[in-house]
Amino acid sequence: GESRFDKVVAISADPEVRAERRGVRVDGR
């Protein structure tokens, strides 16, 4: 889908931080 946008901003975090923020099981997603 990136071609649908003029610019792309990506913000990332360590997997552990994302899992903590998500608060749900990931199950290999």
PDB file of all heavy atoms in Angstrom:
ATOM      1  N   GLY A   1       0.770  -1.233   0.000  1.00  0.00           N
ATOM      2  CA  GLY A   1       0.000   0.000   0.000  1.00  0.00           C
ATOM      3  C   GLY A   1       0.802   1.283   0.000  1.00  0.00           C
ATOM      4  O   GLY A   1       0.228   2.373  -0.092  1.00  0.00           O
ATOM      5  N   GLU A   2       2.119   1.197   0.070  1.00  0.00           N
ATOM      6  CA  GLU A   2       2.905   2.426   0.182  1.00  0.00           C
ATOM      7  C   GLU A   2       2.773   3.325  -1.037  1.00  0.00           C
ATOM      8  O   GLU A   2       2.940   4.544  -0.939  1.00  0.00           O
ATOM      9  CB  GLU A   2       4.380   2.110   0.471  1.00  0.00           C
ATOM     10  CG  GLU A   2       5.110   1.369  -0.621  1.00  0.00           C
ATOM     11  CD  GLU A   2       5.050  -0.141  -0.510  1.00  0.00           C
ATOM     12  OE1 GLU A   2       4.126  -0.690   0.114  1.00  0.00           O
ATOM     13  OE2 GLU A   2       5.943  -0.786  -1.072  1.00  0.00           O
ATOM     14  N   SER A   3       2.427   2.775  -2.195  1.00  0.00           N
ATOM     15  CA  SER A   3       2.291   3.598  -3.403  1.00  0.00           C
ATOM     16  C   SER A   3       1.080   4.522  -3.337  1.00  0.00           C
ATOM     17  O   SER A   3       0.970   5.455  -4.131  1.00  0.00           O
ATOM     18  CB  SER A   3       2.193   2.700  -4.643  1.00  0.00           C
ATOM     19  OG  SER A   3       1.021   1.910  -4.584  1.00  0.00           O
ATOM     20  N   ARG A   4       0.180   4.303  -2.394  1.00  0.00           N
ATOM     21  CA  ARG A   4      -1.007   5.150  -2.257  1.00  0.00           C
ATOM     22  C   ARG A   4      -0.718   6.448  -1.495  1.00  0.00           C
ATOM     23  O   ARG A   4      -1.612   7.265  -1.320  1.00  0.00           O
ATOM     24  CB  ARG A   4      -2.107   4.397  -1.525  1.00  0.00           C
ATOM     25  CG  ARG A   4      -2.610   3.191  -2.256  1.00  0.00           C
ATOM     26  CD  ARG A   4      -3.751   2.541  -1.488  1.00  0.00           C
ATOM     27  NE  ARG A   4      -3.955   1.202  -1.978  1.00  0.00           N
ATOM     28  CZ  ARG A   4      -3.891   0.115  -1.235  1.00  0.00           C
ATOM     29  NH1 ARG A   4      -3.644   0.196   0.053  1.00  0.00           N
ATOM     30  NH2 ARG A   4      -4.083  -1.069  -1.758  1.00  0.00           N
ATOM     31  N   PHE A   5       0.511   6.611  -1.027  1.00  0.00           N
ATOM     32  CA  PHE A   5       0.843   7.746  -0.173  1.00  0.00           C
ATOM     33  C   PHE A   5       2.023   8.519  -0.732  1.00  0.00           C
ATOM     34  O   PHE A   5       2.923   7.952  -1.349  1.00  0.00           O
ATOM     35  CB  PHE A   5       1.155   7.253   1.248  1.00  0.00           C
ATOM     36  CG  PHE A   5      -0.028   6.594   1.894  1.00  0.00           C
ATOM     37  CD1 PHE A   5      -0.230   5.231   1.775  1.00  0.00           C
ATOM     38  CD2 PHE A   5      -0.962   7.344   2.578  1.00  0.00           C
ATOM     39  CE1 PHE A   5      -1.339   4.620   2.338  1.00  0.00           C
ATOM     40  CE2 PHE A   5      -2.077   6.749   3.145  1.00  0.00           C
ATOM     41  CZ  PHE A   5      -2.264   5.384   3.024  1.00  0.00           C
ATOM     42  N   ASP A   6       2.002   9.834  -0.471  1.00  0.00           N
ATOM     43  CA  ASP A   6       3.105  10.680  -0.913  1.00  0.00           C
ATOM     44  C   ASP A   6       4.358  10.421  -0.085  1.00  0.00           C
ATOM     45  O   ASP A   6       5.465  10.414  -0.618  1.00  0.00           O
ATOM     46  CB  ASP A   6       2.724  12.160  -0.798  1.00  0.00           C
ATOM     47  CG  ASP A   6       1.565  12.529  -1.707  1.00  0.00           C
ATOM     48  OD1 ASP A   6       1.472  11.956  -2.812  1.00  0.00           O
ATOM     49  OD2 ASP A   6       0.756  13.383  -1.306  1.00  0.00           O
ATOM     50  N   LYS A   7       4.185  10.229   1.200  1.00  0.00           N
ATOM     51  CA  LYS A   7       5.298   9.980   2.121  1.00  0.00           C
ATOM     52  C   LYS A   7       4.866   8.935   3.140  1.00  0.00           C
ATOM     53  O   LYS A   7       3.689   8.828   3.473  1.00  0.00           O
ATOM     54  CB  LYS A   7       5.708  11.255   2.880  1.00  0.00           C
ATOM     55  CG  LYS A   7       6.185  12.379   1.999  1.00  0.00           C
ATOM     56  CD  LYS A   7       7.508  12.046   1.348  1.00  0.00           C
ATOM     57  CE  LYS A   7       7.965  13.215   0.469  1.00  0.00           C
ATOM     58  NZ  LYS A   7       9.133  12.886  -0.323  1.00  0.00           N
ATOM     59  N   VAL A   8       5.850   8.202   3.633  1.00  0.00           N
ATOM     60  CA  VAL A   8       5.593   7.192   4.656  1.00  0.00           C
ATOM     61  C   VAL A   8       6.435   7.515   5.888  1.00  0.00           C
ATOM     62  O   VAL A   8       7.634   7.777   5.782  1.00  0.00           O
ATOM     63  CB  VAL A   8       5.936   5.770   4.159  1.00  0.00           C
ATOM     64  CG1 VAL A   8       5.826   4.752   5.284  1.00  0.00           C
ATOM     65  CG2 VAL A   8       5.035   5.384   2.997  1.00  0.00           C
ATOM     66  N   VAL A   9       5.770   7.495   7.033  1.00  0.00           N
ATOM     67  CA  VAL A   9       6.430   7.674   8.326  1.00  0.00           C
ATOM     68  C   VAL A   9       6.312   6.340   9.055  1.00  0.00           C
ATOM     69  O   VAL A   9       5.217   5.824   9.232  1.00  0.00           O
ATOM     70  CB  VAL A   9       5.764   8.783   9.164  1.00  0.00           C
ATOM     71  CG1 VAL A   9       6.444   8.923  10.519  1.00  0.00           C
ATOM     72  CG2 VAL A   9       5.771  10.104   8.406  1.00  0.00           C
ATOM     73  N   ALA A  10       7.445   5.790   9.461  1.00  0.00           N
ATOM     74  CA  ALA A  10       7.442   4.526  10.206  1.00  0.00           C
ATOM     75  C   ALA A  10       7.950   4.784  11.615  1.00  0.00           C
ATOM     76  O   ALA A  10       9.005   5.394  11.802  1.00  0.00           O
ATOM     77  CB  ALA A  10       8.320   3.490   9.521  1.00  0.00           C
ATOM     78  N   ILE A  11       7.185   4.344  12.579  1.00  0.00           N
ATOM     79  CA  ILE A  11       7.588   4.435  13.978  1.00  0.00           C
ATOM     80  C   ILE A  11       7.586   3.022  14.524  1.00  0.00           C
ATOM     81  O   ILE A  11       6.602   2.306  14.420  1.00  0.00           O
ATOM     82  CB  ILE A  11       6.655   5.349  14.786  1.00  0.00           C
ATOM     83  CG1 ILE A  11       6.687   6.765  14.198  1.00  0.00           C
ATOM     84  CG2 ILE A  11       7.052   5.346  16.268  1.00  0.00           C
ATOM     85  CD1 ILE A  11       5.764   7.745  14.864  1.00  0.00           C
ATOM     86  N   SER A  12       8.700   2.644  15.092  1.00  0.00           N
ATOM     87  CA  SER A  12       8.872   1.278  15.574  1.00  0.00           C
ATOM     88  C   SER A  12       9.234   1.295  17.051  1.00  0.00           C
ATOM     89  O   SER A  12       9.587   2.331  17.610  1.00  0.00           O
ATOM     90  CB  SER A  12       9.993   0.608  14.770  1.00  0.00           C
ATOM     91  OG  SER A  12      10.213  -0.698  15.242  1.00  0.00           O
ATOM     92  N   ALA A  13       9.137   0.128  17.654  1.00  0.00           N
ATOM     93  CA  ALA A  13       9.579  -0.059  19.034  1.00  0.00           C
ATOM     94  C   ALA A  13      10.058  -1.496  19.162  1.00  0.00           C
ATOM     95  O   ALA A  13       9.713  -2.354  18.335  1.00  0.00           O
ATOM     96  CB  ALA A  13       8.442   0.216  20.021  1.00  0.00           C
ATOM     97  N   ASP A  14      10.839  -1.767  20.180  1.00  0.00           N
ATOM     98  CA  ASP A  14      11.307  -3.130  20.418  1.00  0.00           C
ATOM     99  C   ASP A  14      10.117  -4.071  20.566  1.00  0.00           C
ATOM    100  O   ASP A  14       9.067  -3.668  21.080  1.00  0.00           O
ATOM    101  CB  ASP A  14      12.158  -3.190  21.683  1.00  0.00           C
ATOM    102  CG  ASP A  14      13.520  -2.529  21.506  1.00  0.00           C
ATOM    103  OD1 ASP A  14      14.012  -2.496  20.362  1.00  0.00           O
ATOM    104  OD2 ASP A  14      14.072  -2.048  22.509  1.00  0.00           O
ATOM    105  N   PRO A  15      10.268  -5.305  20.128  1.00  0.00           N
ATOM    106  CA  PRO A  15       9.162  -6.262  20.223  1.00  0.00           C
ATOM    107  C   PRO A  15       8.594  -6.401  21.637  1.00  0.00           C
ATOM    108  O   PRO A  15       7.378  -6.522  21.803  1.00  0.00           O
ATOM    109  CB  PRO A  15       9.784  -7.576  19.754  1.00  0.00           C
ATOM    110  CG  PRO A  15      10.923  -7.166  18.888  1.00  0.00           C
ATOM    111  CD  PRO A  15      11.436  -5.879  19.470  1.00  0.00           C
ATOM    112  N   GLU A  16       9.442  -6.348  22.640  1.00  0.00           N
ATOM    113  CA  GLU A  16       8.963  -6.469  24.018  1.00  0.00           C
ATOM    114  C   GLU A  16       8.072  -5.291  24.396  1.00  0.00           C
ATOM    115  O   GLU A  16       7.061  -5.445  25.072  1.00  0.00           O
ATOM    116  CB  GLU A  16      10.131  -6.577  25.002  1.00  0.00           C
ATOM    117  CG  GLU A  16      11.027  -7.773  24.791  1.00  0.00           C
ATOM    118  CD  GLU A  16      12.044  -7.587  23.668  1.00  0.00           C
ATOM    119  OE1 GLU A  16      12.376  -6.434  23.312  1.00  0.00           O
ATOM    120  OE2 GLU A  16      12.488  -8.617  23.125  1.00  0.00           O
ATOM    121  N   VAL A  17       8.455  -4.106  23.957  1.00  0.00           N
ATOM    122  CA  VAL A  17       7.674  -2.905  24.241  1.00  0.00           C
ATOM    123  C   VAL A  17       6.322  -2.983  23.529  1.00  0.00           C
ATOM    124  O   VAL A  17       5.285  -2.685  24.107  1.00  0.00           O
ATOM    125  CB  VAL A  17       8.449  -1.633  23.825  1.00  0.00           C
ATOM    126  CG1 VAL A  17       7.586  -0.391  23.937  1.00  0.00           C
ATOM    127  CG2 VAL A  17       9.724  -1.496  24.644  1.00  0.00           C
ATOM    128  N   ARG A  18       6.340  -3.409  22.270  1.00  0.00           N
ATOM    129  CA  ARG A  18       5.082  -3.542  21.525  1.00  0.00           C
ATOM    130  C   ARG A  18       4.158  -4.543  22.191  1.00  0.00           C
ATOM    131  O   ARG A  18       2.957  -4.307  22.311  1.00  0.00           O
ATOM    132  CB  ARG A  18       5.359  -3.960  20.075  1.00  0.00           C
ATOM    133  CG  ARG A  18       5.888  -2.841  19.225  1.00  0.00           C
ATOM    134  CD  ARG A  18       5.759  -3.149  17.750  1.00  0.00           C
ATOM    135  NE  ARG A  18       6.248  -4.451  17.360  1.00  0.00           N
ATOM    136  CZ  ARG A  18       7.470  -4.692  16.882  1.00  0.00           C
ATOM    137  NH1 ARG A  18       8.325  -3.706  16.750  1.00  0.00           N
ATOM    138  NH2 ARG A  18       7.831  -5.899  16.532  1.00  0.00           N
ATOM    139  N   ALA A  19       4.705  -5.679  22.608  1.00  0.00           N
ATOM    140  CA  ALA A  19       3.883  -6.708  23.254  1.00  0.00           C
ATOM    141  C   ALA A  19       3.269  -6.178  24.537  1.00  0.00           C
ATOM    142  O   ALA A  19       2.089  -6.412  24.823  1.00  0.00           O
ATOM    143  CB  ALA A  19       4.728  -7.947  23.539  1.00  0.00           C
ATOM    144  N   GLU A  20       4.038  -5.420  25.301  1.00  0.00           N
ATOM    145  CA  GLU A  20       3.532  -4.842  26.552  1.00  0.00           C
ATOM    146  C   GLU A  20       2.422  -3.841  26.280  1.00  0.00           C
ATOM    147  O   GLU A  20       1.400  -3.828  26.952  1.00  0.00           O
ATOM    148  CB  GLU A  20       4.683  -4.171  27.300  1.00  0.00           C
ATOM    149  CG  GLU A  20       4.287  -3.583  28.626  1.00  0.00           C
ATOM    150  CD  GLU A  20       5.484  -2.933  29.316  1.00  0.00           C
ATOM    151  OE1 GLU A  20       6.536  -3.576  29.408  1.00  0.00           O
ATOM    152  OE2 GLU A  20       5.343  -1.775  29.743  1.00  0.00           O
ATOM    153  N   ARG A  21       2.609  -3.011  25.271  1.00  0.00           N
ATOM    154  CA  ARG A  21       1.604  -2.003  24.924  1.00  0.00           C
ATOM    155  C   ARG A  21       0.342  -2.635  24.355  1.00  0.00           C
ATOM    156  O   ARG A  21      -0.751  -2.135  24.556  1.00  0.00           O
ATOM    157  CB  ARG A  21       2.175  -1.018  23.906  1.00  0.00           C
ATOM    158  CG  ARG A  21       3.234  -0.116  24.477  1.00  0.00           C
ATOM    159  CD  ARG A  21       3.834   0.753  23.403  1.00  0.00           C
ATOM    160  NE  ARG A  21       4.865   1.608  23.944  1.00  0.00           N
ATOM    161  CZ  ARG A  21       5.746   2.242  23.202  1.00  0.00           C
ATOM    162  NH1 ARG A  21       5.733   2.129  21.882  1.00  0.00           N
ATOM    163  NH2 ARG A  21       6.667   3.008  23.753  1.00  0.00           N
ATOM    164  N   ARG A  22       0.512  -3.696  23.602  1.00  0.00           N
ATOM    165  CA  ARG A  22      -0.615  -4.360  22.941  1.00  0.00           C
ATOM    166  C   ARG A  22      -1.537  -5.001  23.954  1.00  0.00           C
ATOM    167  O   ARG A  22      -2.749  -4.952  23.813  1.00  0.00           O
ATOM    168  CB  ARG A  22      -0.068  -5.402  21.970  1.00  0.00           C
ATOM    169  CG  ARG A  22      -1.084  -5.945  21.026  1.00  0.00           C
ATOM    170  CD  ARG A  22      -0.483  -6.939  20.050  1.00  0.00           C
ATOM    171  NE  ARG A  22       0.564  -6.332  19.243  1.00  0.00           N
ATOM    172  CZ  ARG A  22       1.630  -6.982  18.805  1.00  0.00           C
ATOM    173  NH1 ARG A  22       1.793  -8.241  19.071  1.00  0.00           N
ATOM    174  NH2 ARG A  22       2.525  -6.359  18.078  1.00  0.00           N
ATOM    175  N   GLY A  23      -0.968  -5.664  24.936  1.00  0.00           N
ATOM    176  CA  GLY A  23      -1.770  -6.251  25.999  1.00  0.00           C
ATOM    177  C   GLY A  23      -2.559  -7.492  25.619  1.00  0.00           C
ATOM    178  O   GLY A  23      -3.403  -7.927  26.378  1.00  0.00           O
ATOM    179  N   VAL A  24      -2.323  -8.044  24.437  1.00  0.00           N
ATOM    180  CA  VAL A  24      -2.999  -9.280  24.032  1.00  0.00           C
ATOM    181  C   VAL A  24      -1.961 -10.277  23.536  1.00  0.00           C
ATOM    182  O   VAL A  24      -0.845  -9.910  23.183  1.00  0.00           O
ATOM    183  CB  VAL A  24      -4.048  -9.045  22.918  1.00  0.00           C
ATOM    184  CG1 VAL A  24      -5.160  -8.138  23.388  1.00  0.00           C
ATOM    185  CG2 VAL A  24      -3.399  -8.489  21.663  1.00  0.00           C
ATOM    186  N   ARG A  25      -2.372 -11.543  23.479  1.00  0.00           N
ATOM    187  CA  ARG A  25      -1.484 -12.572  22.949  1.00  0.00           C
ATOM    188  C   ARG A  25      -1.184 -12.290  21.493  1.00  0.00           C
ATOM    189  O   ARG A  25      -2.036 -11.845  20.745  1.00  0.00           O
ATOM    190  CB  ARG A  25      -2.141 -13.948  23.035  1.00  0.00           C
ATOM    191  CG  ARG A  25      -2.266 -14.495  24.385  1.00  0.00           C
ATOM    192  CD  ARG A  25      -2.782 -15.900  24.343  1.00  0.00           C
ATOM    193  NE  ARG A  25      -3.600 -16.170  23.141  1.00  0.00           N
ATOM    194  CZ  ARG A  25      -4.508 -17.108  23.061  1.00  0.00           C
ATOM    195  NH1 ARG A  25      -4.744 -17.880  24.077  1.00  0.00           N
ATOM    196  NH2 ARG A  25      -5.190 -17.301  21.956  1.00  0.00           N
ATOM    197  N   VAL A  26       0.023 -12.615  21.082  1.00  0.00           N
ATOM    198  CA  VAL A  26       0.416 -12.392  19.698  1.00  0.00           C
ATOM    199  C   VAL A  26       0.260 -13.663  18.874  1.00  0.00           C
ATOM    200  O   VAL A  26      -0.114 -13.622  17.717  1.00  0.00           O
ATOM    201  CB  VAL A  26       1.868 -11.867  19.620  1.00  0.00           C
ATOM    202  CG1 VAL A  26       2.301 -11.712  18.191  1.00  0.00           C
ATOM    203  CG2 VAL A  26       1.985 -10.551  20.368  1.00  0.00           C
ATOM    204  N   ASP A  27       0.528 -14.812  19.439  1.00  0.00           N
ATOM    205  CA  ASP A  27       0.345 -16.099  18.768  1.00  0.00           C
ATOM    206  C   ASP A  27       1.021 -16.179  17.407  1.00  0.00           C
ATOM    207  O   ASP A  27       0.452 -16.684  16.446  1.00  0.00           O
ATOM    208  CB  ASP A  27      -1.147 -16.410  18.590  1.00  0.00           C
ATOM    209  CG  ASP A  27      -1.868 -16.545  19.912  1.00  0.00           C
ATOM    210  OD1 ASP A  27      -1.227 -16.899  20.906  1.00  0.00           O
ATOM    211  OD2 ASP A  27      -3.088 -16.292  19.936  1.00  0.00           O
ATOM    212  N   GLY A  28       2.221 -15.643  17.286  1.00  0.00           N
ATOM    213  CA  GLY A  28       2.947 -15.728  16.027  1.00  0.00           C
ATOM    214  C   GLY A  28       2.476 -14.777  14.951  1.00  0.00           C
ATOM    215  O   GLY A  28       2.895 -14.888  13.805  1.00  0.00           O
ATOM    216  N   ARG A  29       1.611 -13.846  15.285  1.00  0.00           N
ATOM    217  CA  ARG A  29       1.087 -12.914  14.274  1.00  0.00           C
ATOM    218  C   ARG A  29       2.198 -12.104  13.620  1.00  0.00           C
ATOM    219  O   ARG A  29       2.143 -11.810  12.434  1.00  0.00           O
ATOM    220  CB  ARG A  29       0.080 -11.957  14.892  1.00  0.00           C
ATOM    221  CG  ARG A  29      -1.146 -12.631  15.413  1.00  0.00           C
ATOM    222  CD  ARG A  29      -2.061 -11.651  16.089  1.00  0.00           C
ATOM    223  NE  ARG A  29      -3.011 -12.360  16.922  1.00  0.00           N
ATOM    224  CZ  ARG A  29      -3.976 -11.795  17.585  1.00  0.00           C
ATOM    225  NH1 ARG A  29      -4.139 -10.488  17.520  1.00  0.00           N
ATOM    226  NH2 ARG A  29      -4.799 -12.499  18.322  1.00  0.00           N
TER     227      ARG A  29
END
